[in-house]
Amino acid sequence: MDLGTRDYDDDLLDFWGIDPTRVALPKIVSSSEFYGSFAAPNLSNLGFHNKITPEAYEILKTITGTPICGCLGDQSASLVGQLAFKPGSAKCTYGTGCFLLYNTGNRKLISEHGTLTTIGFWFPNLKGEDANPHYALEGSIAVAGSIIQWLRDNLKLIEHAKDVGPLASQVDNAGGVVFIPAFSGLYAPYWDAGARGSIFGMTQYTSSSHIARAALEGVCYQVRAILRAMANDAGASEDFLEEALNKQNEKKPLSALSVDGGMSKADEVLQIQADILGPCVTVKRATISECTALGAAIAAGLSFEDEEERVWKDFDDIYEKINGNDDEKNNFKAKLPDTDRRKNWKRWEKAVEKAKGWLDEDN
C-alpha cells in the first residue's frame, strides 16, 4: 500500500506483475467503520475442510448478523489499547519477539535510521485531526521471550520461565558480561542477517545469574537502540536519551514507554529496561493485561458515525473511562547511576559490532 494515497502502490503491483484491472483486489479501508455483518458459514461448502462441531456451529449462529466494525493489526491494536493516541507516545510488546511502535501523528516519517513506517490507526469518524490517519514508526526484535525459553530448555539455568527474574536479581549487574541474543540475526535498527548470538566478557567468576541478567539486558538494549533510532527520525539530534539530560527544559521526543506482553509481567525485567533507558523515560506497564484485544474493541467502539451511538465519543472520553497505566506500582524509573549506564551502553555497542557479520565469508 502507498502510505500517502492509502491505495495500492502502482510500482509494487508492477514489480509483482499484478494487473489490478484483471484481479479483484480487496478494498483498503480504515481501522474503524462498518465492513459487514458476521454470517455463519455454509458447512456444505467447506467439504472435508470442515472442522466445526455441531455444538460450535450453533454458537456461531447466535452471533449471525453481528456488525464487524474494527480492523487493526496486532501491534497497532496494542498501540491503541495502550491509549497511545498522541504523537510522541510509544509502546513496546515483549512477546516471543519484541515489537515497538512510536506514534508520529499525522506526519508520515520515512525512517533513515533503521525503523519502518506504517499506519498506526485511522479513525475517520472522529473530529478534526483525530480523524486523519495516525502514522507510526515500527521496530522489531527477533528474540525476546524466546531467550528465556533458551535459558530454560537449552542451558537448564531455570526450571520455569518466571524464575528468570529472581535469578537475574541475585546480582546487581551482569559482571561485565554482554549477551547479544542474535540467534536469527539482528532486526531493527541494525538489520544484519549474518549476526549471531554471542556472549562476551565472561570470566571464571561469571555465574548463571550474570548470564541470565545479561540475556535480559540484551533484549532491553535493543529496545533502547530502536527508541533512539525512532527519536532521530522524529527530529532528535544524536542520542536523545543523553541530550535530554543536559536540556531539561526542552521538549523530549519521548517521556514514557508503555509496555505489555509476557516478559513485562516481571518487575525485574522492567527495572532493567528503565535503568538502560535512563531517567528521561518512565517505563509504564499496562494494568489491562489484554491491550491488543482492548485496541480492537476501541476501534469497533469508534466506528459509528453518530457520536451518540459510540461506546466512546472521542480520545478524551477513552482516557477518562479507561485507566491504562496510571498505577504507580506499575511505573518504573531508572535507579542506575548515569555513569554506569553510559559505560554499559558503550560496552553493548562494542559487543554488537563484534557479533555483526558472523556469517559473512569476507570477515
Protein backbone atom coordinates (compact mmCIF):
# COMPACT_ATOMS: atom_id res chain seq x y z
CA MET A 1 0.00 0.00 0.00
CA ASP A 2 1.11 3.55 -0.74
CA LEU A 3 1.03 5.20 2.68
CA GLY A 4 0.43 8.62 1.15
CA THR A 5 -2.55 7.78 -1.06
CA ARG A 6 -3.76 4.87 1.09
CA ASP A 7 -4.26 2.91 -2.12
CA TYR A 8 -2.37 0.10 -3.83
CA ASP A 9 1.14 1.10 -4.84
CA ASP A 10 1.48 1.05 -8.64
CA ASP A 11 5.22 0.37 -8.52
CA LEU A 12 4.76 -2.66 -6.28
CA LEU A 13 1.90 -4.01 -8.39
CA ASP A 14 4.14 -3.69 -11.44
CA PHE A 15 7.06 -5.30 -9.61
CA TRP A 16 4.99 -8.40 -8.80
CA GLY A 17 3.30 -8.45 -12.19
CA ILE A 18 -0.20 -7.83 -10.82
CA ASP A 19 -2.69 -6.23 -13.21
CA PRO A 20 -5.31 -4.50 -11.00
CA THR A 21 -7.76 -4.44 -13.91
CA ARG A 22 -7.79 -8.24 -14.02
CA VAL A 23 -7.51 -9.06 -10.32
CA ALA A 24 -10.17 -8.19 -7.74
CA LEU A 25 -8.02 -6.63 -5.02
CA PRO A 26 -9.58 -6.16 -1.57
CA LYS A 27 -10.76 -2.66 -0.77
CA ILE A 28 -8.40 -0.75 1.51
CA VAL A 29 -10.41 0.56 4.46
CA SER A 30 -9.87 2.49 7.67
CA SER A 31 -9.37 0.96 11.11
CA SER A 32 -12.90 1.78 12.24
CA GLU A 33 -16.01 1.56 10.07
CA PHE A 34 -18.80 -0.87 9.18
CA TYR A 35 -17.33 -3.62 6.98
CA GLY A 36 -20.26 -6.02 7.02
CA SER A 37 -22.03 -8.45 9.32
CA PHE A 38 -20.95 -11.85 10.54
CA ALA A 39 -22.60 -14.81 8.85
CA ALA A 40 -22.26 -18.44 9.88
CA PRO A 41 -20.53 -20.38 7.08
CA ASN A 42 -22.30 -22.87 4.86
CA LEU A 43 -20.76 -26.09 6.12
CA SER A 44 -21.50 -27.98 2.92
CA ASN A 45 -19.17 -25.62 1.06
CA LEU A 46 -16.30 -26.47 3.39
CA GLY A 47 -16.31 -30.17 2.48
CA PHE A 48 -13.62 -32.21 4.17
CA HIS A 49 -12.03 -28.98 5.49
CA ASN A 50 -14.92 -28.62 7.92
CA LYS A 51 -13.66 -28.90 11.50
CA ILE A 52 -16.66 -27.17 13.07
CA THR A 53 -18.62 -29.32 15.51
CA PRO A 54 -22.43 -29.11 15.58
CA GLU A 55 -22.23 -27.51 19.02
CA ALA A 56 -19.79 -24.85 17.81
CA TYR A 57 -21.95 -24.17 14.76
CA GLU A 58 -24.95 -23.47 16.97
CA ILE A 59 -22.89 -20.87 18.82
CA LEU A 60 -21.84 -19.26 15.53
CA LYS A 61 -25.47 -18.99 14.52
CA THR A 62 -26.23 -16.94 17.63
CA ILE A 63 -23.86 -14.16 16.53
CA THR A 64 -25.03 -14.10 12.91
CA GLY A 65 -25.76 -10.50 11.98
CA THR A 66 -23.26 -9.02 14.42
CA PRO A 67 -21.63 -5.98 12.76
CA ILE A 68 -17.89 -6.14 12.13
CA CYS A 69 -16.52 -2.64 12.69
CA GLY A 70 -12.89 -2.73 13.86
CA CYS A 71 -9.80 -3.77 11.92
CA LEU A 72 -6.26 -3.44 13.28
CA GLY A 73 -3.06 -5.44 13.05
CA ASP A 74 -1.93 -6.91 16.35
CA GLN A 75 0.78 -4.33 17.08
CA SER A 76 -1.39 -1.39 16.02
CA ALA A 77 -4.16 -2.77 18.23
CA SER A 78 -1.72 -2.86 21.12
CA LEU A 79 -0.77 0.78 20.43
CA VAL A 80 -4.45 1.75 20.61
CA GLY A 81 -5.07 -0.47 23.64
CA GLN A 82 -2.21 1.30 25.42
CA LEU A 83 -4.08 4.58 24.73
CA ALA A 84 -1.03 5.86 22.84
CA PHE A 85 -3.08 8.29 20.75
CA LYS A 86 -0.81 11.32 20.99
CA PRO A 87 2.21 11.94 18.72
CA GLY A 88 5.39 11.06 20.59
CA SER A 89 3.84 8.22 22.57
CA ALA A 90 5.29 4.74 22.21
CA LYS A 91 4.56 1.18 23.21
CA CYS A 92 6.61 -1.99 23.43
CA THR A 93 5.19 -5.51 23.48
CA TYR A 94 7.54 -8.13 24.96
CA GLY A 95 6.43 -11.44 23.49
CA THR A 96 8.44 -14.23 21.90
CA GLY A 97 9.88 -11.34 19.93
CA CYS A 98 9.67 -7.68 20.85
CA PHE A 99 7.72 -5.04 18.92
CA LEU A 100 7.78 -1.27 19.27
CA LEU A 101 5.54 1.39 17.74
CA TYR A 102 6.13 5.15 18.00
CA ASN A 103 3.18 7.40 17.18
CA THR A 104 4.19 10.19 14.75
CA GLY A 105 0.67 11.61 14.42
CA ASN A 106 -0.37 12.91 11.02
CA ARG A 107 3.27 13.03 9.91
CA LYS A 108 4.38 10.19 7.66
CA LEU A 109 8.05 9.88 8.55
CA ILE A 110 10.22 7.80 6.25
CA SER A 111 12.88 6.35 8.50
CA GLU A 112 16.54 6.98 7.82
CA HIS A 113 17.72 5.16 10.93
CA GLY A 114 16.57 1.57 10.51
CA THR A 115 12.91 1.53 11.51
CA LEU A 116 9.80 1.02 9.36
CA THR A 117 6.97 3.42 8.52
CA THR A 118 3.42 2.19 8.95
CA ILE A 119 -0.11 3.38 9.73
CA GLY A 120 -0.75 3.14 13.45
CA PHE A 121 -4.52 3.66 13.28
CA TRP A 122 -7.17 5.55 11.33
CA PHE A 123 -10.48 6.52 12.96
CA PRO A 124 -12.30 8.62 10.34
CA ASN A 125 -15.45 9.24 12.39
CA LEU A 126 -13.65 11.39 14.96
CA LYS A 127 -13.36 15.16 14.66
CA GLY A 128 -10.53 17.35 13.40
CA GLU A 129 -7.03 15.93 13.11
CA ASP A 130 -8.04 12.90 15.17
CA ALA A 131 -9.96 11.69 12.10
CA ASN A 132 -6.82 11.61 9.96
CA PRO A 133 -4.57 8.55 9.70
CA HIS A 134 -2.03 8.41 12.50
CA TYR A 135 1.30 7.09 11.29
CA ALA A 136 3.90 5.26 13.31
CA LEU A 137 7.48 4.06 13.21
CA GLU A 138 7.88 0.36 13.90
CA GLY A 139 10.82 -1.67 15.13
CA SER A 140 11.06 -5.40 15.78
CA ILE A 141 13.42 -7.58 17.82
CA ALA A 142 13.63 -11.22 16.78
CA VAL A 143 14.46 -12.73 20.16
CA ALA A 144 12.86 -11.55 23.41
CA GLY A 145 10.78 -14.02 25.41
CA SER A 146 12.35 -16.85 23.45
CA ILE A 147 15.69 -16.08 25.13
CA ILE A 148 14.08 -17.12 28.41
CA GLN A 149 12.95 -20.38 26.82
CA TRP A 150 16.54 -20.91 25.65
CA LEU A 151 17.91 -20.33 29.14
CA ARG A 152 15.38 -22.84 30.46
CA ASP A 153 15.41 -25.55 27.79
CA ASN A 154 18.96 -25.39 26.41
CA LEU A 155 21.13 -24.21 29.30
CA LYS A 156 18.85 -25.56 32.07
CA LEU A 157 19.52 -22.44 34.15
CA ILE A 158 15.91 -22.18 35.30
CA GLU A 159 13.03 -24.60 35.74
CA HIS A 160 10.23 -22.19 34.85
CA ALA A 161 10.17 -19.02 32.76
CA LYS A 162 9.05 -16.99 35.77
CA ASP A 163 12.28 -17.93 37.55
CA VAL A 164 14.49 -15.82 35.28
CA GLY A 165 13.74 -12.55 37.08
CA PRO A 166 14.68 -13.79 40.55
CA LEU A 167 17.81 -15.47 39.13
CA ALA A 168 18.93 -12.30 37.37
CA SER A 169 18.25 -10.27 40.52
CA GLN A 170 20.71 -12.28 42.58
CA VAL A 171 23.41 -9.96 41.19
CA ASP A 172 23.40 -6.16 40.96
CA ASN A 173 24.82 -6.17 37.44
CA ALA A 174 25.92 -8.54 34.70
CA GLY A 175 29.52 -8.54 35.89
CA GLY A 176 30.83 -7.22 32.58
CA VAL A 177 29.00 -9.89 30.57
CA VAL A 178 27.21 -8.77 27.40
CA PHE A 179 24.75 -11.13 25.70
CA ILE A 180 23.80 -10.43 22.08
CA PRO A 181 20.67 -12.59 21.50
CA ALA A 182 21.04 -12.64 17.72
CA PHE A 183 20.02 -16.28 17.25
CA SER A 184 18.48 -15.44 13.87
CA GLY A 185 20.32 -12.23 13.12
CA LEU A 186 19.62 -8.71 14.31
CA TYR A 187 16.48 -6.83 13.29
CA ALA A 188 15.83 -3.11 13.79
CA PRO A 189 17.76 -0.90 13.79
CA TYR A 190 20.81 -2.99 12.87
CA TRP A 191 19.39 -5.21 10.10
CA ASP A 192 22.17 -7.76 9.99
CA ALA A 193 21.05 -11.25 8.99
CA GLY A 194 24.61 -12.51 9.41
CA ALA A 195 24.86 -11.61 13.10
CA ARG A 196 24.72 -14.47 15.57
CA GLY A 197 24.15 -14.90 19.27
CA SER A 198 27.25 -14.06 21.27
CA ILE A 199 28.31 -13.78 24.90
CA PHE A 200 31.25 -11.51 25.69
CA GLY A 201 33.13 -10.64 28.86
CA MET A 202 32.90 -13.89 30.82
CA THR A 203 35.46 -14.73 33.49
CA GLN A 204 35.86 -17.62 35.91
CA TYR A 205 33.64 -15.67 38.29
CA THR A 206 30.73 -15.47 35.85
CA SER A 207 27.68 -17.23 37.25
CA SER A 208 24.29 -18.31 35.93
CA SER A 209 22.86 -15.14 37.45
CA HIS A 210 25.23 -12.97 35.40
CA ILE A 211 24.28 -14.80 32.20
CA ALA A 212 20.56 -14.56 32.95
CA ARG A 213 20.83 -10.85 33.67
CA ALA A 214 22.93 -10.24 30.56
CA ALA A 215 20.32 -12.08 28.47
CA LEU A 216 17.53 -9.82 29.73
CA GLU A 217 19.73 -6.77 29.23
CA GLY A 218 20.37 -7.91 25.66
CA VAL A 219 16.68 -7.54 24.88
CA CYS A 220 16.40 -4.20 26.70
CA TYR A 221 19.44 -2.72 24.96
CA GLN A 222 17.86 -3.44 21.60
CA VAL A 223 14.73 -1.61 22.77
CA ARG A 224 16.93 1.37 23.61
CA ALA A 225 18.60 1.23 20.19
CA ILE A 226 15.23 1.23 18.43
CA LEU A 227 13.88 4.12 20.52
CA ARG A 228 16.98 6.16 19.75
CA ALA A 229 16.51 5.48 16.03
CA MET A 230 12.84 6.45 16.22
CA ALA A 231 13.63 9.66 18.08
CA ASN A 232 16.27 10.54 15.48
CA ASP A 233 13.70 10.05 12.72
CA ALA A 234 11.31 12.29 14.68
CA GLY A 235 13.89 15.09 14.74
CA ALA A 236 16.06 14.46 17.79
CA SER A 237 19.76 15.05 17.43
CA GLU A 238 22.27 12.39 18.38
CA ASP A 239 21.18 10.27 21.36
CA PHE A 240 18.09 11.95 22.84
CA LEU A 241 18.36 9.83 26.00
CA GLU A 242 21.60 11.66 26.80
CA GLU A 243 20.79 15.03 25.23
CA ALA A 244 17.59 15.37 27.27
CA LEU A 245 19.59 15.12 30.50
CA ASN A 246 21.50 18.24 29.54
CA LYS A 247 18.46 20.15 28.23
CA GLN A 248 15.80 19.57 30.84
CA ASN A 249 13.57 22.42 29.64
CA GLU A 250 13.35 21.32 26.02
CA LYS A 251 10.56 19.13 24.71
CA LYS A 252 11.51 15.47 24.72
CA PRO A 253 10.66 13.16 21.81
CA LEU A 254 9.65 10.52 24.35
CA SER A 255 8.99 10.65 28.09
CA ALA A 256 7.24 7.32 28.71
CA LEU A 257 7.30 3.84 27.21
CA SER A 258 4.06 1.87 27.62
CA VAL A 259 4.73 -1.86 27.83
CA ASP A 260 2.78 -5.11 27.72
CA GLY A 261 3.36 -8.76 26.86
CA GLY A 262 4.55 -11.78 28.80
CA MET A 263 8.00 -10.51 29.80
CA SER A 264 6.52 -7.27 31.12
CA LYS A 265 4.91 -9.19 33.98
CA ALA A 266 8.35 -9.45 35.62
CA ASP A 267 9.25 -6.39 37.68
CA GLU A 268 12.92 -7.29 37.31
CA VAL A 269 12.75 -7.01 33.51
CA LEU A 270 11.07 -3.61 33.59
CA GLN A 271 13.51 -2.23 36.15
CA ILE A 272 16.38 -3.35 33.91
CA GLN A 273 14.66 -1.65 30.99
CA ALA A 274 14.21 1.57 32.97
CA ASP A 275 17.85 1.55 34.08
CA ILE A 276 19.01 1.12 30.49
CA LEU A 277 16.78 3.92 29.16
CA GLY A 278 17.77 6.33 31.93
CA PRO A 279 15.90 8.98 33.92
CA CYS A 280 14.31 10.70 30.91
CA VAL A 281 11.89 7.84 30.17
CA THR A 282 9.46 6.16 32.56
CA VAL A 283 8.54 2.56 31.75
CA LYS A 284 4.80 2.09 32.30
CA ARG A 285 3.24 -1.35 32.49
CA ALA A 286 -0.37 -1.63 31.37
CA THR A 287 -2.80 -2.53 34.13
CA ILE A 288 -5.01 -4.14 31.47
CA SER A 289 -3.48 -7.46 30.51
CA GLU A 290 -5.06 -7.74 27.05
CA CYS A 291 -4.13 -4.44 25.40
CA THR A 292 -4.40 -5.89 21.90
CA ALA A 293 -7.99 -7.02 22.46
CA LEU A 294 -8.82 -3.66 24.04
CA GLY A 295 -7.41 -1.88 20.98
CA ALA A 296 -9.67 -3.87 18.68
CA ALA A 297 -12.64 -3.08 20.92
CA ILE A 298 -11.82 0.64 20.83
CA ALA A 299 -11.63 0.55 17.03
CA ALA A 300 -15.08 -1.05 16.88
CA GLY A 301 -16.46 1.32 19.50
CA LEU A 302 -15.44 4.39 17.48
CA SER A 303 -16.93 3.11 14.22
CA PHE A 304 -20.37 4.71 14.46
CA GLU A 305 -20.86 7.96 12.56
CA ASP A 306 -23.41 9.15 15.11
CA GLU A 307 -21.43 10.19 18.17
CA GLU A 308 -24.30 9.28 20.49
CA GLU A 309 -24.18 5.65 19.34
CA ARG A 310 -20.49 5.17 20.12
CA VAL A 311 -19.19 3.34 23.14
CA TRP A 312 -16.60 6.12 23.46
CA LYS A 313 -17.16 9.53 21.87
CA ASP A 314 -13.52 10.50 21.34
CA PHE A 315 -9.99 10.05 22.68
CA ASP A 316 -10.67 12.18 25.76
CA ASP A 317 -13.66 10.00 26.60
CA ILE A 318 -11.49 6.89 26.31
CA TYR A 319 -8.81 8.40 28.59
CA GLU A 320 -11.48 9.23 31.16
CA LYS A 321 -13.15 5.83 31.18
CA ILE A 322 -10.14 3.56 30.83
CA ASN A 323 -7.29 3.77 33.32
CA GLY A 324 -4.49 2.40 31.18
CA ASN A 325 -1.25 2.53 33.20
CA ASP A 326 -1.56 5.20 35.89
CA ASP A 327 -0.95 2.83 38.79
CA GLU A 328 2.31 3.98 40.40
CA LYS A 329 3.39 0.43 41.24
CA ASN A 330 3.43 -0.30 37.50
CA ASN A 331 5.72 2.65 36.73
CA PHE A 332 9.46 2.00 36.64
CA LYS A 333 12.15 4.69 36.73
CA ALA A 334 15.90 4.45 36.42
CA LYS A 335 17.90 3.77 39.57
CA LEU A 336 21.27 3.10 37.93
CA PRO A 337 23.81 5.96 38.11
CA ASP A 338 24.27 7.75 34.78
CA THR A 339 28.00 6.98 34.66
CA ASP A 340 27.34 3.23 34.91
CA ARG A 341 24.51 3.41 32.37
CA ARG A 342 26.69 5.21 29.80
CA LYS A 343 29.58 2.81 30.35
CA ASN A 344 27.33 -0.22 29.91
CA TRP A 345 25.77 1.21 26.74
CA LYS A 346 29.19 1.73 25.15
CA ARG A 347 30.08 -1.85 26.06
CA TRP A 348 26.86 -3.04 24.38
CA GLU A 349 27.62 -1.12 21.19
CA LYS A 350 31.12 -2.59 21.12
CA ALA A 351 29.74 -6.12 21.52
CA VAL A 352 27.11 -5.61 18.79
CA GLU A 353 29.82 -4.68 16.30
CA LYS A 354 31.68 -7.88 17.13
CA ALA A 355 28.55 -10.01 16.68
CA LYS A 356 27.67 -8.49 13.31
CA GLY A 357 28.53 -10.24 10.07
CA TRP A 358 29.38 -13.53 11.78
CA LEU A 359 28.27 -15.49 8.73
CA ASP A 360 29.90 -13.19 6.19
CA GLU A 361 32.64 -15.09 4.40
CA ASP A 362 34.68 -11.93 3.88
CA ASN A 363 35.01 -11.28 7.62
